[in-house]
Amino acid sequence: LFGLLTNPDQLRQVRQQDDWERAFEEGIRWVAPIQVSSRLVNEDT
């Protein structure tokens, strides 16, 4: 939802094509869980 609200052209396209399922799937891909994961290490290798 944030992606569509911050990109009015994309929101307009979704509304015109009435393709909410695809927009939802793309939103999930765009904000993948891996982007918010971090990794900590104890020492350099």
N, C-alpha and C. Protein backbone atom coordinates (compact mmCIF):
# COMPACT_ATOMS: atom_id res chain seq x y z
N LEU A 1 0.83 -1.19 0.00
CA LEU A 1 0.00 0.00 0.00
C LEU A 1 0.87 1.25 0.00
N PHE A 2 1.92 1.25 0.81
CA PHE A 2 2.83 2.40 0.85
C PHE A 2 3.42 2.67 -0.52
N GLY A 3 3.82 1.61 -1.21
CA GLY A 3 4.39 1.77 -2.55
C GLY A 3 3.43 2.43 -3.51
N LEU A 4 2.17 2.06 -3.46
CA LEU A 4 1.18 2.67 -4.35
C LEU A 4 0.88 4.11 -3.96
N LEU A 5 0.80 4.37 -2.67
CA LEU A 5 0.48 5.73 -2.22
C LEU A 5 1.63 6.71 -2.48
N THR A 6 2.84 6.21 -2.53
CA THR A 6 3.98 7.08 -2.80
C THR A 6 4.35 7.13 -4.27
N ASN A 7 3.64 6.37 -5.10
CA ASN A 7 3.85 6.38 -6.55
C ASN A 7 2.49 6.49 -7.24
N PRO A 8 1.96 7.71 -7.31
CA PRO A 8 0.61 7.91 -7.84
C PRO A 8 0.41 7.37 -9.25
N ASP A 9 1.45 7.38 -10.06
CA ASP A 9 1.32 6.85 -11.42
C ASP A 9 1.04 5.35 -11.39
N GLN A 10 1.69 4.64 -10.47
CA GLN A 10 1.45 3.20 -10.34
C GLN A 10 0.05 2.92 -9.80
N LEU A 11 -0.38 3.72 -8.84
CA LEU A 11 -1.73 3.57 -8.29
C LEU A 11 -2.77 3.80 -9.38
N ARG A 12 -2.55 4.80 -10.20
CA ARG A 12 -3.47 5.10 -11.30
C ARG A 12 -3.55 3.91 -12.27
N GLN A 13 -2.40 3.33 -12.56
CA GLN A 13 -2.36 2.19 -13.48
C GLN A 13 -3.12 0.99 -12.90
N VAL A 14 -2.93 0.71 -11.63
CA VAL A 14 -3.64 -0.41 -10.99
C VAL A 14 -5.15 -0.17 -11.02
N ARG A 15 -5.55 1.05 -10.73
CA ARG A 15 -6.98 1.38 -10.75
C ARG A 15 -7.56 1.25 -12.15
N GLN A 16 -6.83 1.71 -13.15
CA GLN A 16 -7.33 1.64 -14.53
C GLN A 16 -7.45 0.20 -15.00
N GLN A 17 -6.48 -0.63 -14.65
CA GLN A 17 -6.47 -2.02 -15.11
C GLN A 17 -7.24 -2.94 -14.17
N ASP A 18 -7.62 -2.43 -13.00
CA ASP A 18 -8.33 -3.22 -11.99
C ASP A 18 -7.60 -4.54 -11.73
N ASP A 19 -6.30 -4.42 -11.48
CA ASP A 19 -5.45 -5.60 -11.29
C ASP A 19 -4.85 -5.60 -9.88
N TRP A 20 -5.71 -5.67 -8.88
CA TRP A 20 -5.28 -5.58 -7.49
C TRP A 20 -4.51 -6.81 -7.05
N GLU A 21 -4.84 -7.97 -7.59
CA GLU A 21 -4.13 -9.19 -7.20
C GLU A 21 -2.66 -9.08 -7.60
N ARG A 22 -2.41 -8.66 -8.81
CA ARG A 22 -1.02 -8.51 -9.28
C ARG A 22 -0.29 -7.43 -8.48
N ALA A 23 -0.99 -6.34 -8.17
CA ALA A 23 -0.38 -5.26 -7.38
C ALA A 23 0.00 -5.77 -5.99
N PHE A 24 -0.85 -6.58 -5.40
CA PHE A 24 -0.56 -7.15 -4.08
C PHE A 24 0.67 -8.04 -4.14
N GLU A 25 0.73 -8.91 -5.15
CA GLU A 25 1.88 -9.81 -5.30
C GLU A 25 3.17 -9.03 -5.51
N GLU A 26 3.10 -7.98 -6.30
CA GLU A 26 4.28 -7.15 -6.53
C GLU A 26 4.69 -6.43 -5.25
N GLY A 27 3.72 -6.00 -4.47
CA GLY A 27 4.03 -5.35 -3.20
C GLY A 27 4.75 -6.28 -2.24
N ILE A 28 4.33 -7.54 -2.22
CA ILE A 28 5.00 -8.53 -1.37
C ILE A 28 6.44 -8.75 -1.85
N ARG A 29 6.62 -8.82 -3.15
CA ARG A 29 7.97 -9.00 -3.70
C ARG A 29 8.84 -7.78 -3.42
N TRP A 30 8.25 -6.59 -3.55
CA TRP A 30 8.99 -5.34 -3.39
C TRP A 30 9.50 -5.16 -1.97
N VAL A 31 8.73 -5.61 -0.99
CA VAL A 31 9.12 -5.50 0.42
C VAL A 31 9.35 -6.90 0.96
N ALA A 32 10.30 -7.58 0.40
CA ALA A 32 10.60 -8.94 0.82
C ALA A 32 11.19 -8.96 2.22
N PRO A 33 10.91 -10.00 2.99
CA PRO A 33 11.44 -10.10 4.36
C PRO A 33 12.96 -10.03 4.43
N ILE A 34 13.64 -10.48 3.40
CA ILE A 34 15.11 -10.48 3.43
C ILE A 34 15.66 -9.06 3.53
N GLN A 35 14.90 -8.07 3.10
CA GLN A 35 15.37 -6.69 3.15
C GLN A 35 15.44 -6.16 4.58
N VAL A 36 14.69 -6.72 5.48
CA VAL A 36 14.68 -6.23 6.86
C VAL A 36 15.49 -7.13 7.79
N SER A 37 16.08 -8.18 7.24
CA SER A 37 16.90 -9.07 8.05
C SER A 37 18.32 -8.53 8.12
N SER A 38 18.95 -8.75 9.23
CA SER A 38 20.35 -8.36 9.36
C SER A 38 21.15 -9.54 9.87
N ARG A 39 22.43 -9.43 9.71
CA ARG A 39 23.30 -10.52 10.14
C ARG A 39 24.44 -9.93 10.96
N LEU A 40 24.69 -10.53 12.10
CA LEU A 40 25.79 -10.09 12.96
C LEU A 40 26.82 -11.21 13.04
N VAL A 41 28.08 -10.82 13.00
CA VAL A 41 29.16 -11.80 13.13
C VAL A 41 30.05 -11.40 14.30
N ASN A 42 30.68 -12.38 14.89
CA ASN A 42 31.56 -12.12 16.04
C ASN A 42 32.95 -11.67 15.62
N GLU A 43 33.41 -12.15 14.47
CA GLU A 43 34.75 -11.79 14.02
C GLU A 43 34.84 -11.90 12.51
N ASP A 44 35.81 -11.20 11.94
CA ASP A 44 36.05 -11.27 10.50
C ASP A 44 36.61 -12.63 10.14
N THR A 45 36.36 -13.06 8.92
CA THR A 45 36.92 -14.34 8.47
C THR A 45 38.09 -14.12 7.56
